[in-house]
Amino acid sequence: MINTLYIVRLRNAEYFQFMSSVRDIFAKLCVDREYFGSLNDELVEHLNAAEAAMALEKKSEKIREKNEMDRYRDRLHSKLFNYLKSILYDERDDRFDDAQAVMKVVKEAGNPTKLAENAESALLTALGNKLEPLRNRLQVIGAQEIVDDLMEANRQFIVLETECREIIAAQKLSNVPLSMAAVRKQADPVYRAIVNVINGFCNIPSKKEAYRELVIEMNVLVARYEAMIANRKREKKVKEPVLCETCSNAV
């Protein structure tokens, strides 16, 4: 018999991985395919929809990360400019000449916050290259860390932007996919139907041996995900604050 897994406890990525493993086990070991053909086809169809839904969710998250990184690099550039400006207000500041040399390069590069994202990435990359020979001066005036943070934010933005483009290009769907929640509602009954049919065959003595290997592999898979869920529950319990009896009474 295939053991029960409470798949509602699985997170979306875990759910997709579990169902993909189930599909692979069925494809490799399933007997009596005439009984499972339509169910297996339906499961594969739901997996394709799940993959598309996850790609859409991932795309949305990546876009959020990209936009946040774009705002962050803008703020860092403003921080650098205003920091240099604060030194240049005082001509008697020992850092004045070094700050002036750095500001000259920053001003010549232009204001990246007014540009399109790709143009801003290119401008900031070029600015970093132009400031590299001035590293000693940047250290003297205490601005090197700001520049390093700005260059790292720009690098991370470029990576995120590339990932967003790849996700969009890979998707190219003619219609909007269902949400993962909707896909799971459709796929869960199919999975349970397959398990119920297999467990029914296992009760037939002449079929039990034919399904033995499939059941073993399925139960190994189920046990792995049950252990993962149990471990997560233990970790959550450890992290939960424990109120003392006095505190509880006070509440």
Protein backbone atom coordinates (compact mmCIF):
# COMPACT_ATOMS: atom_id res chain seq x y z
CA MET A 1 0.00 0.00 0.00
CA ILE A 2 1.16 3.53 -0.73
CA ASN A 3 1.28 5.52 2.49
CA THR A 4 -0.66 8.76 2.84
CA LEU A 5 1.13 12.08 2.46
CA TYR A 6 -0.67 15.25 3.49
CA ILE A 7 0.32 17.10 0.36
CA VAL A 8 -1.55 20.24 1.47
CA ARG A 9 1.38 20.86 3.84
CA LEU A 10 3.85 21.07 0.98
CA ARG A 11 4.95 24.46 -0.23
CA ASN A 12 4.51 25.16 -3.93
CA ALA A 13 8.08 24.33 -4.96
CA GLU A 14 8.05 21.18 -2.81
CA TYR A 15 4.68 20.18 -4.25
CA PHE A 16 5.96 20.53 -7.80
CA GLN A 17 9.08 18.49 -7.01
CA PHE A 18 7.02 15.78 -5.32
CA MET A 19 4.53 15.48 -8.19
CA SER A 20 7.37 15.45 -10.72
CA SER A 21 8.95 12.55 -8.84
CA VAL A 22 5.60 10.76 -8.76
CA ARG A 23 5.29 11.18 -12.54
CA ASP A 24 8.80 9.76 -13.04
CA ILE A 25 8.08 6.74 -10.83
CA PHE A 26 4.84 5.99 -12.64
CA ALA A 27 6.52 6.36 -16.02
CA LYS A 28 9.26 3.92 -15.01
CA LEU A 29 7.39 1.30 -13.00
CA CYS A 30 3.68 1.52 -13.73
CA VAL A 31 2.04 -1.72 -14.87
CA ASP A 32 -1.48 -2.12 -16.21
CA ARG A 33 -1.02 1.08 -18.18
CA GLU A 34 -4.44 0.69 -19.76
CA TYR A 35 -5.96 1.57 -16.38
CA PHE A 36 -3.71 4.57 -15.75
CA GLY A 37 -3.22 6.11 -19.19
CA SER A 38 -5.81 8.89 -18.91
CA LEU A 39 -4.99 9.61 -15.26
CA ASN A 40 -1.27 9.81 -15.99
CA ASP A 41 -1.89 12.09 -18.98
CA GLU A 42 -4.01 14.36 -16.79
CA LEU A 43 -1.30 14.45 -14.11
CA VAL A 44 1.31 15.45 -16.71
CA GLU A 45 -1.04 18.16 -17.99
CA HIS A 46 -1.43 19.57 -14.47
CA LEU A 47 2.34 19.46 -13.96
CA ASN A 48 2.83 21.54 -17.10
CA ALA A 49 0.30 24.05 -15.78
CA ALA A 50 2.06 24.07 -12.40
CA GLU A 51 5.40 24.77 -14.06
CA ALA A 52 3.89 27.69 -15.97
CA ALA A 53 2.23 29.06 -12.81
CA MET A 54 5.48 28.84 -10.87
CA ALA A 55 7.33 30.59 -13.69
CA LEU A 56 4.79 33.42 -13.50
CA GLU A 57 5.17 33.67 -9.72
CA LYS A 58 8.95 33.57 -10.02
CA LYS A 59 8.81 36.23 -12.70
CA SER A 60 6.74 38.50 -10.46
CA GLU A 61 9.13 38.01 -7.55
CA LYS A 62 12.17 38.62 -9.72
CA ILE A 63 10.64 41.80 -11.10
CA ARG A 64 10.01 42.99 -7.54
CA GLU A 65 13.64 42.23 -6.61
CA LYS A 66 14.91 43.93 -9.75
CA ASN A 67 12.87 47.07 -9.17
CA GLU A 68 13.98 47.26 -5.55
CA MET A 69 17.63 46.89 -6.58
CA ASP A 70 17.14 49.62 -9.19
CA ARG A 71 15.85 51.97 -6.49
CA TYR A 72 18.68 51.00 -4.16
CA ARG A 73 21.43 51.77 -6.68
CA ASP A 74 19.76 55.13 -7.36
CA ARG A 75 19.86 55.93 -3.65
CA LEU A 76 23.51 54.88 -3.42
CA HIS A 77 24.44 57.16 -6.32
CA SER A 78 22.65 60.04 -4.59
CA LYS A 79 24.43 59.14 -1.37
CA LEU A 80 27.81 59.33 -3.10
CA PHE A 81 26.99 62.63 -4.81
CA ASN A 82 25.68 64.26 -1.63
CA TYR A 83 28.61 62.96 0.41
CA LEU A 84 31.08 64.55 -2.01
CA LYS A 85 28.99 67.72 -2.04
CA SER A 86 29.09 67.94 1.78
CA ILE A 87 32.91 67.97 1.68
CA LEU A 88 33.06 70.52 -1.13
CA TYR A 89 31.00 73.02 0.88
CA ASP A 90 34.13 73.65 2.96
CA GLU A 91 37.19 74.73 1.00
CA ARG A 92 39.33 74.39 4.12
CA ASP A 93 38.45 70.71 4.51
CA ASP A 94 41.63 68.63 4.15
CA ARG A 95 39.67 66.30 1.85
CA PHE A 96 38.56 69.09 -0.49
CA ASP A 97 41.02 68.48 -3.38
CA ASP A 98 40.47 64.72 -3.39
CA ALA A 99 36.68 65.14 -3.23
CA GLN A 100 36.82 67.66 -6.06
CA ALA A 101 38.74 65.23 -8.28
CA VAL A 102 36.20 62.49 -7.60
CA MET A 103 33.24 64.81 -8.09
CA LYS A 104 34.61 65.86 -11.47
CA VAL A 105 34.45 62.23 -12.66
CA VAL A 106 30.99 61.72 -11.17
CA LYS A 107 29.60 64.85 -12.85
CA GLU A 108 31.17 64.00 -16.20
CA ALA A 109 29.51 60.59 -16.10
CA GLY A 110 26.11 62.21 -15.67
CA ASN A 111 23.02 61.41 -13.62
CA PRO A 112 22.12 57.72 -14.11
CA THR A 113 18.75 58.01 -12.33
CA LYS A 114 17.30 59.83 -15.36
CA LEU A 115 18.20 57.02 -17.76
CA ALA A 116 16.52 53.81 -18.86
CA GLU A 117 17.55 50.74 -16.86
CA ASN A 118 20.00 49.33 -19.43
CA ALA A 119 21.60 52.73 -20.01
CA GLU A 120 21.91 53.27 -16.26
CA SER A 121 23.64 49.90 -15.87
CA ALA A 122 26.14 50.81 -18.57
CA LEU A 123 26.75 54.28 -17.10
CA LEU A 124 27.36 52.95 -13.58
CA THR A 125 29.70 50.26 -14.88
CA ALA A 126 31.67 52.91 -16.78
CA LEU A 127 31.69 55.16 -13.69
CA GLY A 128 33.13 52.35 -11.59
CA ASN A 129 35.91 51.83 -14.14
CA LYS A 130 36.71 55.56 -14.19
CA LEU A 131 36.80 55.76 -10.39
CA GLU A 132 39.10 52.77 -10.02
CA PRO A 133 42.30 54.86 -10.59
CA LEU A 134 41.05 57.23 -7.87
CA ARG A 135 40.77 54.49 -5.24
CA ASN A 136 43.39 56.12 -2.97
CA ARG A 137 41.56 59.42 -3.06
CA LEU A 138 38.25 57.70 -2.40
CA GLN A 139 39.75 56.02 0.65
CA VAL A 140 41.19 59.30 1.91
CA ILE A 141 37.80 61.01 1.81
CA GLY A 142 35.97 57.95 3.15
CA ALA A 143 33.89 57.31 0.02
CA GLN A 144 35.34 54.01 -1.18
CA GLU A 145 32.75 51.92 0.69
CA ILE A 146 29.91 53.89 -0.90
CA VAL A 147 31.38 53.31 -4.36
CA ASP A 148 31.88 49.59 -3.65
CA ASP A 149 28.26 49.27 -2.49
CA LEU A 150 27.08 51.13 -5.59
CA MET A 151 29.04 48.86 -7.94
CA GLU A 152 27.77 45.73 -6.15
CA ALA A 153 24.16 46.96 -6.34
CA ASN A 154 24.62 47.62 -10.05
CA ARG A 155 26.10 44.14 -10.56
CA GLN A 156 23.18 42.52 -8.72
CA PHE A 157 20.70 44.55 -10.76
CA ILE A 158 22.26 43.35 -14.03
CA VAL A 159 21.98 39.72 -12.85
CA LEU A 160 18.32 40.18 -11.83
CA GLU A 161 17.46 41.92 -15.08
CA THR A 162 19.01 39.06 -17.07
CA GLU A 163 17.03 36.50 -15.05
CA CYS A 164 13.79 38.41 -15.68
CA ARG A 165 14.42 38.46 -19.42
CA GLU A 166 15.17 34.73 -19.46
CA ILE A 167 12.00 33.88 -17.53
CA ILE A 168 9.84 35.98 -19.86
CA ALA A 169 11.51 34.50 -22.95
CA ALA A 170 11.10 30.94 -21.67
CA GLN A 171 7.46 31.45 -20.82
CA LYS A 172 5.99 32.81 -24.05
CA LEU A 173 2.55 31.42 -23.26
CA SER A 174 -0.48 32.23 -25.37
CA ASN A 175 -2.70 32.51 -22.31
CA VAL A 176 -2.17 33.32 -18.65
CA PRO A 177 -1.53 30.17 -16.57
CA LEU A 178 -3.57 29.28 -13.53
CA SER A 179 -2.25 30.13 -10.10
CA MET A 180 -0.47 27.36 -8.20
CA ALA A 181 -3.38 27.23 -5.75
CA ALA A 182 -5.80 26.56 -8.61
CA VAL A 183 -3.50 23.99 -10.22
CA ARG A 184 -3.12 22.12 -6.94
CA LYS A 185 -6.90 21.89 -6.51
CA GLN A 186 -7.08 20.18 -9.91
CA ALA A 187 -4.02 17.96 -9.54
CA ASP A 188 -4.66 16.67 -6.01
CA PRO A 189 -7.73 14.54 -6.93
CA VAL A 190 -5.82 13.01 -9.86
CA TYR A 191 -2.92 12.02 -7.61
CA ARG A 192 -5.30 10.52 -5.03
CA ALA A 193 -7.20 8.63 -7.74
CA ILE A 194 -3.96 7.05 -9.01
CA VAL A 195 -2.89 6.11 -5.46
CA ASN A 196 -6.31 4.63 -4.70
CA VAL A 197 -6.27 2.50 -7.84
CA ILE A 198 -2.78 1.22 -7.09
CA ASN A 199 -3.70 0.45 -3.49
CA GLY A 200 -6.78 -1.37 -4.76
CA PHE A 201 -4.65 -3.55 -7.04
CA CYS A 202 -2.32 -4.28 -4.13
CA ASN A 203 -5.22 -6.01 -2.36
CA ILE A 204 -5.48 -8.48 -5.24
CA PRO A 205 -3.03 -11.34 -4.56
CA SER A 206 -2.22 -11.84 -8.25
CA LYS A 207 -1.33 -8.13 -8.63
CA LYS A 208 0.54 -7.52 -5.38
CA GLU A 209 3.98 -8.64 -6.62
CA ALA A 210 3.67 -6.67 -9.86
CA TYR A 211 3.19 -3.44 -7.89
CA ARG A 212 5.74 -4.19 -5.16
CA GLU A 213 8.63 -2.12 -6.56
CA LEU A 214 6.39 0.83 -7.45
CA VAL A 215 4.91 0.87 -3.94
CA ILE A 216 8.37 0.68 -2.35
CA GLU A 217 9.66 3.65 -4.36
CA MET A 218 6.51 5.65 -3.69
CA ASN A 219 6.74 5.03 0.05
CA VAL A 220 10.41 6.05 0.08
CA LEU A 221 9.39 9.27 -1.66
CA VAL A 222 6.47 9.85 0.73
CA ALA A 223 8.71 9.20 3.76
CA ARG A 224 11.26 11.74 2.53
CA TYR A 225 8.64 14.49 2.24
CA GLU A 226 6.96 13.54 5.52
CA ALA A 227 10.36 13.86 7.22
CA MET A 228 10.86 17.28 5.63
CA ILE A 229 7.45 18.47 6.87
CA ALA A 230 8.10 17.10 10.36
CA ASN A 231 11.53 18.76 10.48
CA ARG A 232 10.00 22.09 9.47
CA LYS A 233 7.41 21.80 12.25
CA ARG A 234 10.16 21.09 14.80
CA GLU A 235 12.18 24.08 13.64
CA LYS A 236 9.12 26.33 13.86
CA LYS A 237 8.37 25.09 17.37
CA VAL A 238 11.93 25.81 18.50
CA LYS A 239 11.75 29.36 17.13
CA GLU A 240 8.43 30.16 18.82
CA PRO A 241 8.89 32.28 21.98
CA VAL A 242 7.88 30.63 25.23
CA LEU A 243 6.03 32.85 27.68
CA CYS A 244 6.75 32.36 31.37
CA GLU A 245 3.83 31.59 33.67
CA THR A 246 3.96 35.06 35.20
CA CYS A 247 3.85 36.68 31.76
CA SER A 248 0.93 34.47 30.74
CA ASN A 249 -0.98 35.37 33.89
CA ALA A 250 -0.26 39.04 33.31
CA VAL A 251 -1.80 38.82 29.87
